[in-house]
């Protein structure tokens, strides 16, 4: 193994083209060796722009390439489970897009295969690698705002009306793992658990459903044993929200509407004491969180560090997402 991990990309998804392929090519310890797609001609442009030497017609062909050491899986949600299992069985480490799976059982099977194969598996929650996220996590952990009692998190956007009406999108298809909760609510659940440092004991939820059956607007509440509460919002039909607030007994930290994806611009947050109406703004220099994520994963593959985001954490996240989905459908409190 060299000091650079050779990556394969399973699929020509927008998230790969726009965010992750470029991040790998900029990284200090990785390079994209090959991309696989069902339509090779469609991948020619991205391959040319990023200096990718091989384009495979189909995912199995890429997995058979012995030069590929790690794969990135940006496929639709329902394909995460089967293709992660295939990649692990082929001897590849796997960075899989969020949500790791469509339910906790699938996530457990993926984690078990990684352990059996002696390979690394990580869910691509890039927000945890941004310097602003890490600064806020540090402040919460060291008690800068006192004991945390509430986290509010929202990731919402307005899908084009013609797409909503036609239902012609993977995010709107139940059989493809669609729904706002899995698509963007997974970020808020992950964030809440990360900042709280513990797992919820019960959840409640309300949702508005698309005619095809997926949730397109959901609000959930989470209760923790240590007198902590959280509220999460996920939507395909609201104005943009991409923010969170951490409230402690002695203060609060608030973010603008770029909390999970600030791109490479300067990132800000506001911290105020318990009696202040207006807090102090803090500025963090811009960074490519996708690059930081893939560099971390490559370092872990190279044995230089341990995974900061483990499959066990992803399984726990999926359990909460499963519970919120059940709570919204039944109208009942679901205990974990």
C-alpha atoms as a PDB file:
ATOM      1  CA  UNK A   1       0.000   0.000   0.000  1.00  0.00           C
ATOM      2  CA  UNK A   2       1.316   3.439  -0.948  1.00  0.00           C
ATOM      3  CA  UNK A   3       0.833   6.753   0.854  1.00  0.00           C
ATOM      4  CA  UNK A   4      -2.076   7.479  -1.487  1.00  0.00           C
ATOM      5  CA  UNK A   5      -5.280   5.471  -1.402  1.00  0.00           C
ATOM      6  CA  UNK A   6      -6.631   4.578  -4.835  1.00  0.00           C
ATOM      7  CA  UNK A   7     -10.388   5.240  -4.881  1.00  0.00           C
ATOM      8  CA  UNK A   8     -13.205   3.909  -7.016  1.00  0.00           C
ATOM      9  CA  UNK A   9     -16.524   5.759  -7.382  1.00  0.00           C
ATOM     10  CA  UNK A  10     -19.680   3.659  -7.726  1.00  0.00           C
ATOM     11  CA  UNK A  11     -22.001   5.809  -9.786  1.00  0.00           C
ATOM     12  CA  UNK A  12     -22.086   9.211 -11.420  1.00  0.00           C
ATOM     13  CA  UNK A  13     -24.335  10.915  -8.842  1.00  0.00           C
ATOM     14  CA  UNK A  14     -24.373  14.689  -8.459  1.00  0.00           C
ATOM     15  CA  UNK A  15     -22.927  14.540  -4.926  1.00  0.00           C
ATOM     16  CA  UNK A  16     -19.945  12.639  -6.333  1.00  0.00           C
ATOM     17  CA  UNK A  17     -19.473  15.012  -9.257  1.00  0.00           C
ATOM     18  CA  UNK A  18     -19.995  18.214  -7.299  1.00  0.00           C
ATOM     19  CA  UNK A  19     -18.368  17.446  -3.961  1.00  0.00           C
ATOM     20  CA  UNK A  20     -16.517  14.201  -3.394  1.00  0.00           C
ATOM     21  CA  UNK A  21     -14.517  13.446  -6.548  1.00  0.00           C
ATOM     22  CA  UNK A  22     -12.893  16.870  -6.457  1.00  0.00           C
ATOM     23  CA  UNK A  23     -12.266  16.511  -2.733  1.00  0.00           C
ATOM     24  CA  UNK A  24     -10.422  13.225  -3.254  1.00  0.00           C
ATOM     25  CA  UNK A  25      -8.343  14.700  -6.076  1.00  0.00           C
ATOM     26  CA  UNK A  26      -7.379  17.662  -3.856  1.00  0.00           C
ATOM     27  CA  UNK A  27      -6.606  15.446  -0.881  1.00  0.00           C
ATOM     28  CA  UNK A  28      -3.071  14.814   0.333  1.00  0.00           C
ATOM     29  CA  UNK A  29      -3.525  11.052   0.565  1.00  0.00           C
ATOM     30  CA  UNK A  30      -5.927   9.855  -2.117  1.00  0.00           C
ATOM     31  CA  UNK A  31      -6.602   9.753  -5.837  1.00  0.00           C
ATOM     32  CA  UNK A  32      -9.613   8.655  -7.881  1.00  0.00           C
ATOM     33  CA  UNK A  33      -8.453   5.661  -9.887  1.00  0.00           C
ATOM     34  CA  UNK A  34     -11.751   4.738 -11.558  1.00  0.00           C
ATOM     35  CA  UNK A  35     -15.444   5.554 -11.834  1.00  0.00           C
ATOM     36  CA  UNK A  36     -18.189   3.045 -12.647  1.00  0.00           C
ATOM     37  CA  UNK A  37     -21.518   3.875 -14.239  1.00  0.00           C
ATOM     38  CA  UNK A  38     -24.266   2.236 -16.214  1.00  0.00           C
ATOM     39  CA  UNK A  39     -23.749   4.907 -18.905  1.00  0.00           C
ATOM     40  CA  UNK A  40     -19.988   5.389 -19.451  1.00  0.00           C
ATOM     41  CA  UNK A  41     -20.538   8.184 -21.972  1.00  0.00           C
ATOM     42  CA  UNK A  42     -22.247  10.250 -19.261  1.00  0.00           C
ATOM     43  CA  UNK A  43     -19.170   9.976 -17.043  1.00  0.00           C
ATOM     44  CA  UNK A  44     -16.673  11.009 -19.717  1.00  0.00           C
ATOM     45  CA  UNK A  45     -16.874  14.703 -18.829  1.00  0.00           C
ATOM     46  CA  UNK A  46     -16.327  14.301 -15.104  1.00  0.00           C
ATOM     47  CA  UNK A  47     -13.534  11.799 -15.754  1.00  0.00           C
ATOM     48  CA  UNK A  48     -11.806  14.189 -18.115  1.00  0.00           C
ATOM     49  CA  UNK A  49     -12.171  17.189 -15.814  1.00  0.00           C
ATOM     50  CA  UNK A  50     -10.738  15.281 -12.859  1.00  0.00           C
ATOM     51  CA  UNK A  51      -8.068  13.179 -14.548  1.00  0.00           C
ATOM     52  CA  UNK A  52      -9.773   9.850 -13.822  1.00  0.00           C
ATOM     53  CA  UNK A  53      -8.053   7.217 -15.932  1.00  0.00           C
ATOM     54  CA  UNK A  54     -10.661   4.456 -15.979  1.00  0.00           C
ATOM     55  CA  UNK A  55     -14.392   4.394 -16.634  1.00  0.00           C
ATOM     56  CA  UNK A  56     -16.137   1.075 -16.031  1.00  0.00           C
ATOM     57  CA  UNK A  57     -19.455   0.060 -17.567  1.00  0.00           C
ATOM     58  CA  UNK A  58     -21.019  -1.318 -14.399  1.00  0.00           C
ATOM     59  CA  UNK A  59     -20.167  -1.472 -10.723  1.00  0.00           C
ATOM     60  CA  UNK A  60     -19.010  -5.098 -10.660  1.00  0.00           C
ATOM     61  CA  UNK A  61     -16.225  -4.324 -13.120  1.00  0.00           C
ATOM     62  CA  UNK A  62     -14.829  -1.636 -10.837  1.00  0.00           C
ATOM     63  CA  UNK A  63     -14.987  -3.923  -7.808  1.00  0.00           C
ATOM     64  CA  UNK A  64     -12.956  -6.480  -9.754  1.00  0.00           C
ATOM     65  CA  UNK A  65     -10.134  -3.948 -10.246  1.00  0.00           C
ATOM     66  CA  UNK A  66      -7.430  -4.990  -7.788  1.00  0.00           C
ATOM     67  CA  UNK A  67      -5.848  -1.529  -7.885  1.00  0.00           C
ATOM     68  CA  UNK A  68      -8.908  -0.010  -6.179  1.00  0.00           C
ATOM     69  CA  UNK A  69      -8.443   0.054  -2.408  1.00  0.00           C
ATOM     70  CA  UNK A  70     -11.473   2.069  -1.288  1.00  0.00           C
ATOM     71  CA  UNK A  71     -14.817   2.892  -2.852  1.00  0.00           C
ATOM     72  CA  UNK A  72     -17.233   5.744  -2.377  1.00  0.00           C
ATOM     73  CA  UNK A  73     -20.913   4.780  -2.671  1.00  0.00           C
ATOM     74  CA  UNK A  74     -23.157   7.732  -3.689  1.00  0.00           C
ATOM     75  CA  UNK A  75     -25.945   5.519  -5.040  1.00  0.00           C
ATOM     76  CA  UNK A  76     -29.650   5.914  -4.143  1.00  0.00           C
ATOM     77  CA  UNK A  77     -30.456   4.910  -0.568  1.00  0.00           C
ATOM     78  CA  UNK A  78     -31.848   1.461  -1.354  1.00  0.00           C
ATOM     79  CA  UNK A  79     -28.590   0.547  -3.119  1.00  0.00           C
ATOM     80  CA  UNK A  80     -26.286   1.396  -0.205  1.00  0.00           C
ATOM     81  CA  UNK A  81     -26.803  -1.958   1.509  1.00  0.00           C
ATOM     82  CA  UNK A  82     -26.262  -4.366  -1.423  1.00  0.00           C
ATOM     83  CA  UNK A  83     -23.357  -2.520  -3.015  1.00  0.00           C
ATOM     84  CA  UNK A  84     -21.565  -1.885   0.265  1.00  0.00           C
ATOM     85  CA  UNK A  85     -21.778  -5.614   0.996  1.00  0.00           C
ATOM     86  CA  UNK A  86     -20.444  -6.395  -2.495  1.00  0.00           C
ATOM     87  CA  UNK A  87     -17.622  -3.885  -2.139  1.00  0.00           C
ATOM     88  CA  UNK A  88     -16.589  -5.257   1.252  1.00  0.00           C
ATOM     89  CA  UNK A  89     -16.728  -8.808  -0.101  1.00  0.00           C
ATOM     90  CA  UNK A  90     -14.443  -7.664  -2.927  1.00  0.00           C
ATOM     91  CA  UNK A  91     -11.894  -6.442  -0.391  1.00  0.00           C
ATOM     92  CA  UNK A  92     -12.588  -2.705  -0.639  1.00  0.00           C
ATOM     93  CA  UNK A  93     -12.903  -0.239   2.205  1.00  0.00           C
ATOM     94  CA  UNK A  94     -16.169   1.714   1.910  1.00  0.00           C
ATOM     95  CA  UNK A  95     -17.179   5.334   2.417  1.00  0.00           C
ATOM     96  CA  UNK A  96     -20.960   5.264   1.985  1.00  0.00           C
ATOM     97  CA  UNK A  97     -23.235   8.242   1.524  1.00  0.00           C
ATOM     98  CA  UNK A  98     -25.775   9.082   4.188  1.00  0.00           C
ATOM     99  CA  UNK A  99     -28.011   7.520   5.315  1.00  0.00           C
ATOM    100  CA  UNK A 100     -25.846   4.442   5.665  1.00  0.00           C
ATOM    101  CA  UNK A 101     -28.852   2.213   4.999  1.00  0.00           C
ATOM    102  CA  UNK A 102     -32.644   2.241   4.817  1.00  0.00           C
ATOM    103  CA  UNK A 103     -33.025   0.806   8.331  1.00  0.00           C
ATOM    104  CA  UNK A 104     -31.010  -0.337  11.323  1.00  0.00           C
ATOM    105  CA  UNK A 105     -31.066  -4.016  10.344  1.00  0.00           C
ATOM    106  CA  UNK A 106     -29.373  -3.249   7.024  1.00  0.00           C
ATOM    107  CA  UNK A 107     -26.809  -1.086   8.827  1.00  0.00           C
ATOM    108  CA  UNK A 108     -26.052  -3.923  11.247  1.00  0.00           C
ATOM    109  CA  UNK A 109     -25.479  -6.314   8.347  1.00  0.00           C
ATOM    110  CA  UNK A 110     -23.134  -3.848   6.655  1.00  0.00           C
ATOM    111  CA  UNK A 111     -21.176  -3.305   9.860  1.00  0.00           C
ATOM    112  CA  UNK A 112     -20.926  -7.057  10.464  1.00  0.00           C
ATOM    113  CA  UNK A 113     -19.561  -7.618   6.956  1.00  0.00           C
ATOM    114  CA  UNK A 114     -16.952  -4.908   7.447  1.00  0.00           C
ATOM    115  CA  UNK A 115     -15.844  -6.487  10.707  1.00  0.00           C
ATOM    116  CA  UNK A 116     -15.704  -9.982   9.179  1.00  0.00           C
ATOM    117  CA  UNK A 117     -13.720  -8.681   6.222  1.00  0.00           C
ATOM    118  CA  UNK A 118     -11.336  -6.648   8.378  1.00  0.00           C
ATOM    119  CA  UNK A 119     -12.184  -3.533   6.377  1.00  0.00           C
ATOM    120  CA  UNK A 120     -13.303  -0.005   7.198  1.00  0.00           C
ATOM    121  CA  UNK A 121     -16.839   1.295   6.690  1.00  0.00           C
ATOM    122  CA  UNK A 122     -17.852   4.886   7.348  1.00  0.00           C
ATOM    123  CA  UNK A 123     -20.997   6.906   6.705  1.00  0.00           C
ATOM    124  CA  UNK A 124     -20.262  10.153   4.836  1.00  0.00           C
ATOM    125  CA  UNK A 125     -21.402  12.685   7.438  1.00  0.00           C
ATOM    126  CA  UNK A 126     -18.984  15.341   6.229  1.00  0.00           C
ATOM    127  CA  UNK A 127     -20.314  18.060   8.574  1.00  0.00           C
ATOM    128  CA  UNK A 128     -18.517  16.474  11.538  1.00  0.00           C
ATOM    129  CA  UNK A 129     -15.159  17.261   9.943  1.00  0.00           C
ATOM    130  CA  UNK A 130     -15.709  20.981   9.423  1.00  0.00           C
ATOM    131  CA  UNK A 131     -13.662  23.166  11.826  1.00  0.00           C
ATOM    132  CA  UNK A 132     -16.824  25.024  12.902  1.00  0.00           C
ATOM    133  CA  UNK A 133     -18.577  21.775  13.835  1.00  0.00           C
ATOM    134  CA  UNK A 134     -15.539  20.626  15.787  1.00  0.00           C
ATOM    135  CA  UNK A 135     -15.219  23.963  17.580  1.00  0.00           C
ATOM    136  CA  UNK A 136     -18.860  23.846  18.647  1.00  0.00           C
ATOM    137  CA  UNK A 137     -18.561  20.227  19.767  1.00  0.00           C
ATOM    138  CA  UNK A 138     -15.503  21.207  21.834  1.00  0.00           C
ATOM    139  CA  UNK A 139     -17.331  24.130  23.425  1.00  0.00           C
ATOM    140  CA  UNK A 140     -20.314  21.959  24.326  1.00  0.00           C
ATOM    141  CA  UNK A 141     -18.125  19.219  25.781  1.00  0.00           C
ATOM    142  CA  UNK A 142     -16.095  21.604  27.929  1.00  0.00           C
ATOM    143  CA  UNK A 143     -19.227  23.267  29.316  1.00  0.00           C
ATOM    144  CA  UNK A 144     -18.931  26.714  27.742  1.00  0.00           C
ATOM    145  CA  UNK A 145     -22.732  27.090  27.690  1.00  0.00           C
ATOM    146  CA  UNK A 146     -23.376  25.002  30.783  1.00  0.00           C
ATOM    147  CA  UNK A 147     -25.262  21.737  30.858  1.00  0.00           C
ATOM    148  CA  UNK A 148     -27.009  21.257  27.526  1.00  0.00           C
ATOM    149  CA  UNK A 149     -30.775  20.970  27.845  1.00  0.00           C
ATOM    150  CA  UNK A 150     -32.049  21.470  24.274  1.00  0.00           C
ATOM    151  CA  UNK A 151     -30.891  21.113  20.674  1.00  0.00           C
ATOM    152  CA  UNK A 152     -33.020  22.316  17.761  1.00  0.00           C
ATOM    153  CA  UNK A 153     -31.950  21.258  14.287  1.00  0.00           C
ATOM    154  CA  UNK A 154     -33.551  21.756  10.874  1.00  0.00           C
ATOM    155  CA  UNK A 155     -32.569  20.697   7.378  1.00  0.00           C
ATOM    156  CA  UNK A 156     -35.331  21.628   4.960  1.00  0.00           C
ATOM    157  CA  UNK A 157     -35.622  22.767   1.370  1.00  0.00           C
ATOM    158  CA  UNK A 158     -38.274  23.176  -1.310  1.00  0.00           C
ATOM    159  CA  UNK A 159     -38.196  20.549  -4.023  1.00  0.00           C
ATOM    160  CA  UNK A 160     -39.375  21.754  -7.427  1.00  0.00           C
ATOM    161  CA  UNK A 161     -43.156  21.628  -7.622  1.00  0.00           C
ATOM    162  CA  UNK A 162     -43.136  19.719 -10.920  1.00  0.00           C
ATOM    163  CA  UNK A 163     -40.996  17.002  -9.343  1.00  0.00           C
ATOM    164  CA  UNK A 164     -43.276  16.820  -6.314  1.00  0.00           C
ATOM    165  CA  UNK A 165     -46.300  16.468  -8.558  1.00  0.00           C
ATOM    166  CA  UNK A 166     -44.791  13.863 -10.866  1.00  0.00           C
ATOM    167  CA  UNK A 167     -43.151  11.845  -8.097  1.00  0.00           C
ATOM    168  CA  UNK A 168     -40.337  11.150 -10.558  1.00  0.00           C
ATOM    169  CA  UNK A 169     -37.454  11.328  -8.112  1.00  0.00           C
ATOM    170  CA  UNK A 170     -35.762   8.693  -5.951  1.00  0.00           C
ATOM    171  CA  UNK A 171     -36.402  10.854  -2.871  1.00  0.00           C
ATOM    172  CA  UNK A 172     -40.142  10.415  -3.427  1.00  0.00           C
ATOM    173  CA  UNK A 173     -40.153   6.645  -3.930  1.00  0.00           C
ATOM    174  CA  UNK A 174     -40.659   4.435  -0.839  1.00  0.00           C
ATOM    175  CA  UNK A 175     -39.006   1.443  -2.500  1.00  0.00           C
ATOM    176  CA  UNK A 176     -35.849   3.515  -3.057  1.00  0.00           C
ATOM    177  CA  UNK A 177     -35.528   4.684   0.543  1.00  0.00           C
ATOM    178  CA  UNK A 178     -37.151   8.050  -0.084  1.00  0.00           C
ATOM    179  CA  UNK A 179     -38.523  10.615   2.323  1.00  0.00           C
ATOM    180  CA  UNK A 180     -37.293  13.797   3.967  1.00  0.00           C
ATOM    181  CA  UNK A 181     -36.410  12.013   7.204  1.00  0.00           C
ATOM    182  CA  UNK A 182     -33.851   9.741   5.548  1.00  0.00           C
ATOM    183  CA  UNK A 183     -32.670  12.324   3.034  1.00  0.00           C
ATOM    184  CA  UNK A 184     -31.976  15.275   5.317  1.00  0.00           C
ATOM    185  CA  UNK A 185     -33.416  14.395   8.734  1.00  0.00           C
ATOM    186  CA  UNK A 186     -30.531  11.973   9.155  1.00  0.00           C
ATOM    187  CA  UNK A 187     -28.209  14.978   9.530  1.00  0.00           C
ATOM    188  CA  UNK A 188     -30.209  16.445  12.401  1.00  0.00           C
ATOM    189  CA  UNK A 189     -30.521  13.125  14.230  1.00  0.00           C
ATOM    190  CA  UNK A 190     -26.776  12.572  13.864  1.00  0.00           C
ATOM    191  CA  UNK A 191     -26.009  16.085  15.084  1.00  0.00           C
ATOM    192  CA  UNK A 192     -28.320  15.867  18.101  1.00  0.00           C
ATOM    193  CA  UNK A 193     -26.844  12.553  19.245  1.00  0.00           C
ATOM    194  CA  UNK A 194     -23.294  13.830  18.683  1.00  0.00           C
ATOM    195  CA  UNK A 195     -23.765  17.020  20.672  1.00  0.00           C
ATOM    196  CA  UNK A 196     -25.762  15.348  23.445  1.00  0.00           C
ATOM    197  CA  UNK A 197     -23.174  12.600  23.790  1.00  0.00           C
ATOM    198  CA  UNK A 198     -25.865  10.071  24.619  1.00  0.00           C
ATOM    199  CA  UNK A 199     -28.750   8.197  23.011  1.00  0.00           C
ATOM    200  CA  UNK A 200     -32.431   9.183  23.160  1.00  0.00           C
ATOM    201  CA  UNK A 201     -34.821   7.048  25.164  1.00  0.00           C
ATOM    202  CA  UNK A 202     -38.067   8.006  23.400  1.00  0.00           C
ATOM    203  CA  UNK A 203     -39.251   9.870  20.302  1.00  0.00           C
ATOM    204  CA  UNK A 204     -42.445  11.366  18.934  1.00  0.00           C
ATOM    205  CA  UNK A 205     -43.140  12.701  15.438  1.00  0.00           C
ATOM    206  CA  UNK A 206     -45.694  14.185  13.078  1.00  0.00           C
ATOM    207  CA  UNK A 207     -45.424  14.102   9.291  1.00  0.00           C
ATOM    208  CA  UNK A 208     -47.076  15.184   6.062  1.00  0.00           C
ATOM    209  CA  UNK A 209     -46.930  12.486   3.387  1.00  0.00           C
ATOM    210  CA  UNK A 210     -46.582  12.554  -0.370  1.00  0.00           C
ATOM    211  CA  UNK A 211     -49.296  10.691  -2.309  1.00  0.00           C
ATOM    212  CA  UNK A 212     -46.699   8.018  -3.093  1.00  0.00           C
ATOM    213  CA  UNK A 213     -46.245   7.368   0.629  1.00  0.00           C
ATOM    214  CA  UNK A 214     -42.976   8.987   1.690  1.00  0.00           C
ATOM    215  CA  UNK A 215     -42.762  11.675   4.341  1.00  0.00           C
ATOM    216  CA  UNK A 216     -42.135  15.052   2.740  1.00  0.00           C
ATOM    217  CA  UNK A 217     -42.400  17.203   5.875  1.00  0.00           C
ATOM    218  CA  UNK A 218     -41.592  15.870   9.363  1.00  0.00           C
ATOM    219  CA  UNK A 219     -41.072  17.263  12.829  1.00  0.00           C
ATOM    220  CA  UNK A 220     -39.769  15.020  15.583  1.00  0.00           C
ATOM    221  CA  UNK A 221     -38.960  15.336  19.279  1.00  0.00           C
ATOM    222  CA  UNK A 222     -36.394  13.299  21.189  1.00  0.00           C
ATOM    223  CA  UNK A 223     -36.135  12.744  24.938  1.00  0.00           C
ATOM    224  CA  UNK A 224     -32.913  11.818  26.719  1.00  0.00           C
ATOM    225  CA  UNK A 225     -32.511  10.395  30.228  1.00  0.00           C
ATOM    226  CA  UNK A 226     -30.480  13.359  31.451  1.00  0.00           C
ATOM    227  CA  UNK A 227     -33.305  15.958  31.194  1.00  0.00           C
ATOM    228  CA  UNK A 228     -32.315  16.797  27.627  1.00  0.00           C
ATOM    229  CA  UNK A 229     -34.743  17.344  24.755  1.00  0.00           C
ATOM    230  CA  UNK A 230     -34.279  17.839  21.034  1.00  0.00           C
ATOM    231  CA  UNK A 231     -36.404  18.927  18.088  1.00  0.00           C
ATOM    232  CA  UNK A 232     -35.625  17.997  14.500  1.00  0.00           C
ATOM    233  CA  UNK A 233     -37.260  19.225  11.288  1.00  0.00           C
ATOM    234  CA  UNK A 234     -36.924  17.766   7.780  1.00  0.00           C
ATOM    235  CA  UNK A 235     -38.802  18.888   4.708  1.00  0.00           C
ATOM    236  CA  UNK A 236     -39.084  18.844   0.927  1.00  0.00           C
ATOM    237  CA  UNK A 237     -41.819  21.505   0.887  1.00  0.00           C
ATOM    238  CA  UNK A 238     -40.611  24.391   3.053  1.00  0.00           C
ATOM    239  CA  UNK A 239     -38.369  27.373   2.538  1.00  0.00           C
ATOM    240  CA  UNK A 240     -34.690  26.693   3.138  1.00  0.00           C
ATOM    241  CA  UNK A 241     -33.646  25.815   6.664  1.00  0.00           C
ATOM    242  CA  UNK A 242     -30.212  24.413   7.379  1.00  0.00           C
ATOM    243  CA  UNK A 243     -29.434  25.406  10.917  1.00  0.00           C
ATOM    244  CA  UNK A 244     -29.179  24.313  14.529  1.00  0.00           C
ATOM    245  CA  UNK A 245     -29.173  25.818  17.991  1.00  0.00           C
ATOM    246  CA  UNK A 246     -27.596  24.328  21.118  1.00  0.00           C
ATOM    247  CA  UNK A 247     -29.123  25.648  24.341  1.00  0.00           C
ATOM    248  CA  UNK A 248     -27.455  25.205  27.698  1.00  0.00           C
ATOM    249  CA  UNK A 249     -28.277  26.404  31.199  1.00  0.00           C
ATOM    250  CA  UNK A 250     -25.696  29.198  30.889  1.00  0.00           C
ATOM    251  CA  UNK A 251     -25.897  30.143  27.223  1.00  0.00           C
ATOM    252  CA  UNK A 252     -26.639  29.181  23.651  1.00  0.00           C
ATOM    253  CA  UNK A 253     -24.879  28.669  20.316  1.00  0.00           C
ATOM    254  CA  UNK A 254     -26.763  29.512  17.128  1.00  0.00           C
ATOM    255  CA  UNK A 255     -25.911  28.962  13.474  1.00  0.00           C
ATOM    256  CA  UNK A 256     -27.049  30.591  10.208  1.00  0.00           C
ATOM    257  CA  UNK A 257     -28.717  28.671   7.386  1.00  0.00           C
ATOM    258  CA  UNK A 258     -25.569  26.847   6.248  1.00  0.00           C
ATOM    259  CA  UNK A 259     -24.967  24.720   9.311  1.00  0.00           C
ATOM    260  CA  UNK A 260     -24.247  21.439   7.539  1.00  0.00           C
ATOM    261  CA  UNK A 261     -22.912  22.659   4.190  1.00  0.00           C
ATOM    262  CA  UNK A 262     -21.090  26.008   4.447  1.00  0.00           C
ATOM    263  CA  UNK A 263     -19.042  25.171   1.346  1.00  0.00           C
ATOM    264  CA  UNK A 264     -15.632  26.809   1.563  1.00  0.00           C
ATOM    265  CA  UNK A 265     -16.754  30.235   2.693  1.00  0.00           C
ATOM    266  CA  UNK A 266     -15.974  31.665   6.102  1.00  0.00           C
ATOM    267  CA  UNK A 267     -18.293  29.972   8.584  1.00  0.00           C
ATOM    268  CA  UNK A 268     -19.835  31.835  11.497  1.00  0.00           C
ATOM    269  CA  UNK A 269     -21.713  31.014  14.674  1.00  0.00           C
ATOM    270  CA  UNK A 270     -23.118  33.160  17.462  1.00  0.00           C
ATOM    271  CA  UNK A 271     -22.654  32.474  21.152  1.00  0.00           C
ATOM    272  CA  UNK A 272     -24.603  34.309  23.830  1.00  0.00           C
ATOM    273  CA  UNK A 273     -24.907  34.056  27.579  1.00  0.00           C
ATOM    274  CA  UNK A 274     -28.145  33.041  29.282  1.00  0.00           C
ATOM    275  CA  UNK A 275     -29.425  36.619  29.689  1.00  0.00           C
ATOM    276  CA  UNK A 276     -28.225  38.117  26.416  1.00  0.00           C
ATOM    277  CA  UNK A 277     -30.594  38.839  23.557  1.00  0.00           C
ATOM    278  CA  UNK A 278     -27.778  39.363  21.060  1.00  0.00           C
ATOM    279  CA  UNK A 279     -24.627  37.307  21.231  1.00  0.00           C
ATOM    280  CA  UNK A 280     -21.113  37.579  19.853  1.00  0.00           C
ATOM    281  CA  UNK A 281     -20.386  36.376  16.331  1.00  0.00           C
ATOM    282  CA  UNK A 282     -17.394  34.105  15.819  1.00  0.00           C
ATOM    283  CA  UNK A 283     -15.781  33.455  12.431  1.00  0.00           C
ATOM    284  CA  UNK A 284     -14.095  30.237  11.333  1.00  0.00           C
ATOM    285  CA  UNK A 285     -11.922  30.217   8.210  1.00  0.00           C
ATOM    286  CA  UNK A 286     -13.377  28.387   5.235  1.00  0.00           C
ATOM    287  CA  UNK A 287     -12.608  24.731   4.656  1.00  0.00           C
ATOM    288  CA  UNK A 288     -13.650  21.898   2.344  1.00  0.00           C
ATOM    289  CA  UNK A 289     -15.341  19.497   4.750  1.00  0.00           C
ATOM    290  CA  UNK A 290     -15.556  16.838   2.038  1.00  0.00           C
ATOM    291  CA  UNK A 291     -11.786  16.959   1.592  1.00  0.00           C
ATOM    292  CA  UNK A 292     -11.261  16.741   5.352  1.00  0.00           C
ATOM    293  CA  UNK A 293     -13.603  13.740   5.457  1.00  0.00           C
ATOM    294  CA  UNK A 294     -11.885  11.779   2.675  1.00  0.00           C
ATOM    295  CA  UNK A 295      -8.444  12.592   4.082  1.00  0.00           C
ATOM    296  CA  UNK A 296      -9.547  11.261   7.455  1.00  0.00           C
ATOM    297  CA  UNK A 297     -10.892   8.081   5.882  1.00  0.00           C
ATOM    298  CA  UNK A 298      -7.729   7.565   3.824  1.00  0.00           C
ATOM    299  CA  UNK A 299      -5.611   8.102   6.932  1.00  0.00           C
ATOM    300  CA  UNK A 300      -7.673   5.446   8.706  1.00  0.00           C
ATOM    301  CA  UNK A 301      -7.177   3.020   5.800  1.00  0.00           C
ATOM    302  CA  UNK A 302      -3.441   3.737   5.971  1.00  0.00           C
ATOM    303  CA  UNK A 303      -3.478   2.957   9.705  1.00  0.00           C
ATOM    304  CA  UNK A 304      -2.583   6.496  10.749  1.00  0.00           C
ATOM    305  CA  UNK A 305      -5.745   7.153  12.764  1.00  0.00           C
ATOM    306  CA  UNK A 306      -8.912   5.481  13.970  1.00  0.00           C
ATOM    307  CA  UNK A 307     -12.256   6.196  12.386  1.00  0.00           C
ATOM    308  CA  UNK A 308     -13.886   9.196  14.019  1.00  0.00           C
ATOM    309  CA  UNK A 309     -17.324   8.033  12.913  1.00  0.00           C
ATOM    310  CA  UNK A 310     -17.831   4.305  13.411  1.00  0.00           C
ATOM    311  CA  UNK A 311     -20.415   1.873  11.999  1.00  0.00           C
ATOM    312  CA  UNK A 312     -21.803   1.451  15.535  1.00  0.00           C
ATOM    313  CA  UNK A 313     -22.626   5.157  15.601  1.00  0.00           C
ATOM    314  CA  UNK A 314     -24.373   4.810  12.242  1.00  0.00           C
ATOM    315  CA  UNK A 315     -26.405   1.844  13.497  1.00  0.00           C
ATOM    316  CA  UNK A 316     -27.515   3.898  16.504  1.00  0.00           C
ATOM    317  CA  UNK A 317     -28.479   6.734  14.174  1.00  0.00           C
ATOM    318  CA  UNK A 318     -30.553   4.387  12.023  1.00  0.00           C
ATOM    319  CA  UNK A 319     -32.376   3.082  15.119  1.00  0.00           C
ATOM    320  CA  UNK A 320     -33.501   6.609  15.943  1.00  0.00           C
ATOM    321  CA  UNK A 321     -34.551   7.253  12.342  1.00  0.00           C
ATOM    322  CA  UNK A 322     -36.544   3.995  12.364  1.00  0.00           C
ATOM    323  CA  UNK A 323     -38.223   5.050  15.610  1.00  0.00           C
ATOM    324  CA  UNK A 324     -39.113   8.516  14.300  1.00  0.00           C
ATOM    325  CA  UNK A 325     -40.600   6.995  11.154  1.00  0.00           C
ATOM    326  CA  UNK A 326     -42.700   4.606  13.234  1.00  0.00           C
ATOM    327  CA  UNK A 327     -43.802   7.380  15.589  1.00  0.00           C
ATOM    328  CA  UNK A 328     -44.958   9.558  12.675  1.00  0.00           C
ATOM    329  CA  UNK A 329     -46.906   6.728  11.067  1.00  0.00           C
ATOM    330  CA  UNK A 330     -48.579   5.496  14.255  1.00  0.00           C
ATOM    331  CA  UNK A 331     -48.966   8.702  16.243  1.00  0.00           C
ATOM    332  CA  UNK A 332     -47.457   6.896  19.238  1.00  0.00           C
ATOM    333  CA  UNK A 333     -44.445   7.550  21.400  1.00  0.00           C
ATOM    334  CA  UNK A 334     -41.722   5.064  20.438  1.00  0.00           C
ATOM    335  CA  UNK A 335     -39.275   4.034  23.129  1.00  0.00           C
ATOM    336  CA  UNK A 336     -35.747   2.991  22.337  1.00  0.00           C
END
